[in-house]
């Protein structure tokens, strides 16, 4: 049974049905496709390398059967479906609660703490592929946010907590919650071995990097387009 595909399909249907939010994300669909494609390209290269090295892998019984670079087609779709659902949740929340955000000093403090923590984990776990690469990507993303998109971090730290709810459901099923055998398996020799039920703790940093990286690029492209329109008017 292609359970992986069904999980993505349900994930995609939910935000499309919640029209009550009236979040017009589609007007910037070109920017969304571009930002998502850039991030997906980076993550798919990372994914392909780790799959070939046995850092993680996939249970073929839960996939449609179409594989590209040893990765099921569902894994390729993952990097487009999940960012869409997550950005929808982000914009839907701030569409309804536009004035909610962390104070500048609070966001700055959280970012600095996460940067230091990421650096420590990289140094102390350099031999563990998933841990080291994951936190290196997270560290890079946080530094970019700190210097160029701190105001966006003031919002995203809040929306990410909301996004983590469906994240734990989807990623939990993918890693074996409720189904016994995981759809995506991990070699614990290449990570910290710390799991939130069935989810490797590194996956939270993975999700943050993928989603905030996407959001940074999307916002940059959208703001650039707005400035161009203003200058032409």
Protein backbone atom coordinates (compact mmCIF):
# COMPACT_ATOMS: atom_id res chain seq x y z
CA UNK A 1 0.00 0.00 0.00
CA UNK A 2 1.51 3.40 -1.01
CA UNK A 3 0.95 4.89 2.44
CA UNK A 4 3.66 7.52 1.91
CA UNK A 5 1.72 8.91 -1.07
CA UNK A 6 -1.56 8.91 0.87
CA UNK A 7 0.06 10.84 3.73
CA UNK A 8 1.23 13.54 1.32
CA UNK A 9 -2.16 13.64 -0.37
CA UNK A 10 -4.01 14.15 2.93
CA UNK A 11 -1.47 16.77 3.97
CA UNK A 12 -2.11 18.67 0.74
CA UNK A 13 -5.90 18.41 0.85
CA UNK A 14 -6.23 19.84 4.36
CA UNK A 15 -4.91 23.38 3.67
CA UNK A 16 -6.78 23.50 0.37
CA UNK A 17 -10.04 22.83 2.18
CA UNK A 18 -9.49 25.42 4.89
CA UNK A 19 -10.71 28.29 2.75
CA UNK A 20 -12.00 30.14 5.79
CA UNK A 21 -8.55 31.71 6.15
CA UNK A 22 -8.74 33.19 2.64
CA UNK A 23 -4.95 33.32 2.40
CA UNK A 24 -4.16 34.31 -1.17
CA UNK A 25 -0.85 32.50 -1.47
CA UNK A 26 -1.58 31.55 -5.06
CA UNK A 27 -1.15 35.10 -6.37
CA UNK A 28 2.59 34.60 -5.78
CA UNK A 29 2.68 31.01 -7.02
CA UNK A 30 5.65 31.69 -9.31
CA UNK A 31 7.74 32.92 -6.37
CA UNK A 32 6.58 29.98 -4.28
CA UNK A 33 7.56 27.47 -6.96
CA UNK A 34 10.95 29.15 -7.37
CA UNK A 35 11.73 29.33 -3.64
CA UNK A 36 10.54 25.77 -3.08
CA UNK A 37 12.52 24.47 -6.07
CA UNK A 38 15.72 26.08 -4.79
CA UNK A 39 15.37 24.55 -1.33
CA UNK A 40 14.13 21.23 -2.74
CA UNK A 41 17.17 21.06 -5.02
CA UNK A 42 19.56 21.43 -2.08
CA UNK A 43 17.69 18.96 0.11
CA UNK A 44 17.27 16.37 -2.65
CA UNK A 45 21.03 16.34 -3.29
CA UNK A 46 21.58 15.89 0.45
CA UNK A 47 18.84 13.23 0.49
CA UNK A 48 20.32 11.30 -2.43
CA UNK A 49 23.80 11.23 -0.90
CA UNK A 50 22.54 10.06 2.48
CA UNK A 51 20.29 7.44 0.88
CA UNK A 52 23.21 6.03 -1.13
CA UNK A 53 25.37 5.95 2.02
CA UNK A 54 22.73 4.21 4.14
CA UNK A 55 22.26 7.11 6.56
CA UNK A 56 18.55 6.60 5.97
CA UNK A 57 16.37 4.66 3.58
CA UNK A 58 12.81 3.82 2.57
CA UNK A 59 10.48 0.88 3.01
CA UNK A 60 9.44 0.01 -0.54
CA UNK A 61 6.24 -1.67 0.67
CA UNK A 62 4.79 1.75 1.52
CA UNK A 63 5.73 3.47 -1.76
CA UNK A 64 4.23 3.63 -5.25
CA UNK A 65 7.27 1.88 -6.71
CA UNK A 66 8.77 4.68 -8.78
CA UNK A 67 12.32 5.49 -7.67
CA UNK A 68 14.75 8.19 -8.81
CA UNK A 69 18.31 7.99 -7.42
CA UNK A 70 17.08 5.26 -5.04
CA UNK A 71 14.49 7.65 -3.60
CA UNK A 72 10.75 7.05 -4.04
CA UNK A 73 8.80 9.64 -6.01
CA UNK A 74 6.99 10.46 -2.77
CA UNK A 75 10.25 11.72 -1.30
CA UNK A 76 10.61 14.14 -4.22
CA UNK A 77 7.02 15.31 -3.74
CA UNK A 78 7.66 15.74 0.00
CA UNK A 79 9.83 18.81 -0.61
CA UNK A 80 7.02 20.56 -2.46
CA UNK A 81 3.93 19.41 -0.55
CA UNK A 82 5.22 19.98 2.99
CA UNK A 83 6.56 23.52 2.32
CA UNK A 84 3.23 24.45 0.72
CA UNK A 85 1.28 23.17 3.74
CA UNK A 86 3.68 24.82 6.18
CA UNK A 87 3.78 28.21 4.45
CA UNK A 88 -0.01 28.06 4.26
CA UNK A 89 -0.13 27.53 8.04
CA UNK A 90 2.34 30.38 8.58
CA UNK A 91 0.44 32.91 6.48
CA UNK A 92 -2.95 31.70 7.66
CA UNK A 93 -1.97 32.30 11.27
CA UNK A 94 -0.60 35.78 10.68
CA UNK A 95 -3.52 36.63 8.43
CA UNK A 96 -5.75 36.18 11.48
CA UNK A 97 -3.28 37.42 14.10
CA UNK A 98 -1.10 39.99 12.29
CA UNK A 99 0.19 41.71 15.43
CA UNK A 100 1.55 38.64 17.18
CA UNK A 101 5.33 38.30 17.08
CA UNK A 102 8.24 37.92 19.45
CA UNK A 103 10.09 40.99 20.64
CA UNK A 104 13.28 41.75 18.76
CA UNK A 105 15.47 40.99 21.80
CA UNK A 106 13.68 37.69 22.44
CA UNK A 107 14.12 36.52 18.85
CA UNK A 108 17.75 37.63 18.94
CA UNK A 109 18.40 35.70 22.16
CA UNK A 110 16.71 32.54 20.88
CA UNK A 111 18.69 32.72 17.64
CA UNK A 112 22.04 33.18 19.40
CA UNK A 113 21.30 30.27 21.78
CA UNK A 114 20.35 28.01 18.86
CA UNK A 115 23.48 29.04 16.94
CA UNK A 116 25.71 28.19 19.92
CA UNK A 117 23.88 24.90 20.52
CA UNK A 118 24.18 23.97 16.83
CA UNK A 119 27.91 24.74 16.84
CA UNK A 120 28.45 22.57 19.93
CA UNK A 121 26.52 19.66 18.41
CA UNK A 122 28.52 19.91 15.17
CA UNK A 123 31.86 19.90 17.00
CA UNK A 124 30.96 17.08 19.41
CA UNK A 125 29.26 14.86 16.80
CA UNK A 126 31.33 15.51 13.70
CA UNK A 127 31.58 11.79 12.92
CA UNK A 128 27.79 11.37 12.82
CA UNK A 129 26.68 12.32 9.32
CA UNK A 130 23.07 13.28 9.96
CA UNK A 131 23.76 15.18 13.16
CA UNK A 132 26.74 17.11 11.79
CA UNK A 133 25.25 18.04 8.40
CA UNK A 134 21.82 18.79 9.85
CA UNK A 135 23.10 21.25 12.43
CA UNK A 136 25.54 22.76 9.94
CA UNK A 137 22.58 23.58 7.70
CA UNK A 138 20.60 24.85 10.68
CA UNK A 139 23.51 27.00 11.83
CA UNK A 140 23.83 28.52 8.34
CA UNK A 141 20.09 29.20 8.16
CA UNK A 142 20.05 30.84 11.58
CA UNK A 143 22.99 33.07 10.69
CA UNK A 144 21.25 34.19 7.52
CA UNK A 145 18.11 34.88 9.52
CA UNK A 146 20.05 36.74 12.19
CA UNK A 147 21.76 39.12 9.77
CA UNK A 148 19.11 39.51 7.08
CA UNK A 149 15.67 38.32 8.29
CA UNK A 150 15.46 38.81 12.05
CA UNK A 151 11.99 40.32 11.76
CA UNK A 152 10.85 37.21 9.92
CA UNK A 153 12.30 35.05 12.69
CA UNK A 154 10.21 37.02 15.18
CA UNK A 155 7.17 35.59 13.43
CA UNK A 156 8.47 32.18 12.37
CA UNK A 157 9.47 31.08 15.86
CA UNK A 158 5.77 31.35 16.70
CA UNK A 159 4.33 29.77 13.56
CA UNK A 160 6.92 26.96 13.71
CA UNK A 161 5.46 25.84 17.04
CA UNK A 162 2.09 25.52 15.28
CA UNK A 163 3.64 23.78 12.27
CA UNK A 164 5.26 21.26 14.65
CA UNK A 165 1.81 19.84 15.48
CA UNK A 166 1.12 18.39 11.99
CA UNK A 167 4.86 17.78 11.66
CA UNK A 168 4.82 15.36 14.59
CA UNK A 169 1.77 13.61 13.15
CA UNK A 170 3.14 13.24 9.60
CA UNK A 171 6.75 12.57 10.54
CA UNK A 172 5.62 10.27 13.34
CA UNK A 173 3.78 8.04 10.87
CA UNK A 174 6.70 8.16 8.44
CA UNK A 175 9.08 6.97 11.18
CA UNK A 176 6.79 4.16 12.38
CA UNK A 177 4.23 5.59 14.79
CA UNK A 178 0.96 3.63 14.61
CA UNK A 179 2.21 1.41 11.76
CA UNK A 180 5.00 -0.50 13.48
CA UNK A 181 7.43 -0.62 10.56
CA UNK A 182 8.77 2.81 9.51
CA UNK A 183 8.28 4.18 6.01
CA UNK A 184 11.54 6.09 6.42
CA UNK A 185 14.20 4.35 8.49
CA UNK A 186 17.33 5.89 10.02
CA UNK A 187 20.75 4.47 10.81
CA UNK A 188 21.15 5.51 14.45
CA UNK A 189 24.93 5.27 14.16
CA UNK A 190 24.73 8.46 12.08
CA UNK A 191 22.58 10.48 14.50
CA UNK A 192 22.33 11.27 18.20
CA UNK A 193 20.07 8.29 18.83
CA UNK A 194 17.64 10.56 20.66
CA UNK A 195 14.04 10.15 19.50
CA UNK A 196 10.82 11.93 20.28
CA UNK A 197 8.81 8.71 20.29
CA UNK A 198 9.85 7.51 16.80
CA UNK A 199 11.17 10.81 15.38
CA UNK A 200 14.94 11.52 15.48
CA UNK A 201 15.45 14.83 17.28
CA UNK A 202 17.51 16.07 14.32
CA UNK A 203 14.34 16.11 12.23
CA UNK A 204 13.17 19.25 14.04
CA UNK A 205 16.26 21.13 12.90
CA UNK A 206 15.84 19.61 9.43
CA UNK A 207 12.27 20.91 9.25
CA UNK A 208 13.24 24.36 10.53
CA UNK A 209 16.00 24.72 7.94
CA UNK A 210 13.84 23.54 5.06
CA UNK A 211 10.82 25.68 5.95
CA UNK A 212 12.50 28.87 7.12
CA UNK A 213 14.93 28.70 4.21
CA UNK A 214 11.96 28.47 1.88
CA UNK A 215 10.19 31.33 3.66
CA UNK A 216 13.27 33.58 3.49
CA UNK A 217 13.62 33.12 -0.25
CA UNK A 218 9.88 33.47 -0.85
CA UNK A 219 9.68 36.69 1.18
CA UNK A 220 12.77 38.10 -0.55
CA UNK A 221 11.33 37.40 -4.01
CA UNK A 222 7.92 38.77 -3.04
CA UNK A 223 9.34 41.95 -1.49
CA UNK A 224 11.58 42.48 -4.53
CA UNK A 225 8.55 42.20 -6.79
CA UNK A 226 6.66 44.71 -4.62
CA UNK A 227 9.54 47.19 -4.74
CA UNK A 228 9.77 46.84 -8.51
CA UNK A 229 6.06 47.54 -8.86
CA UNK A 230 6.37 50.64 -6.65
CA UNK A 231 9.32 51.96 -8.63
CA UNK A 232 7.45 51.47 -11.92
CA UNK A 233 4.30 53.22 -10.74
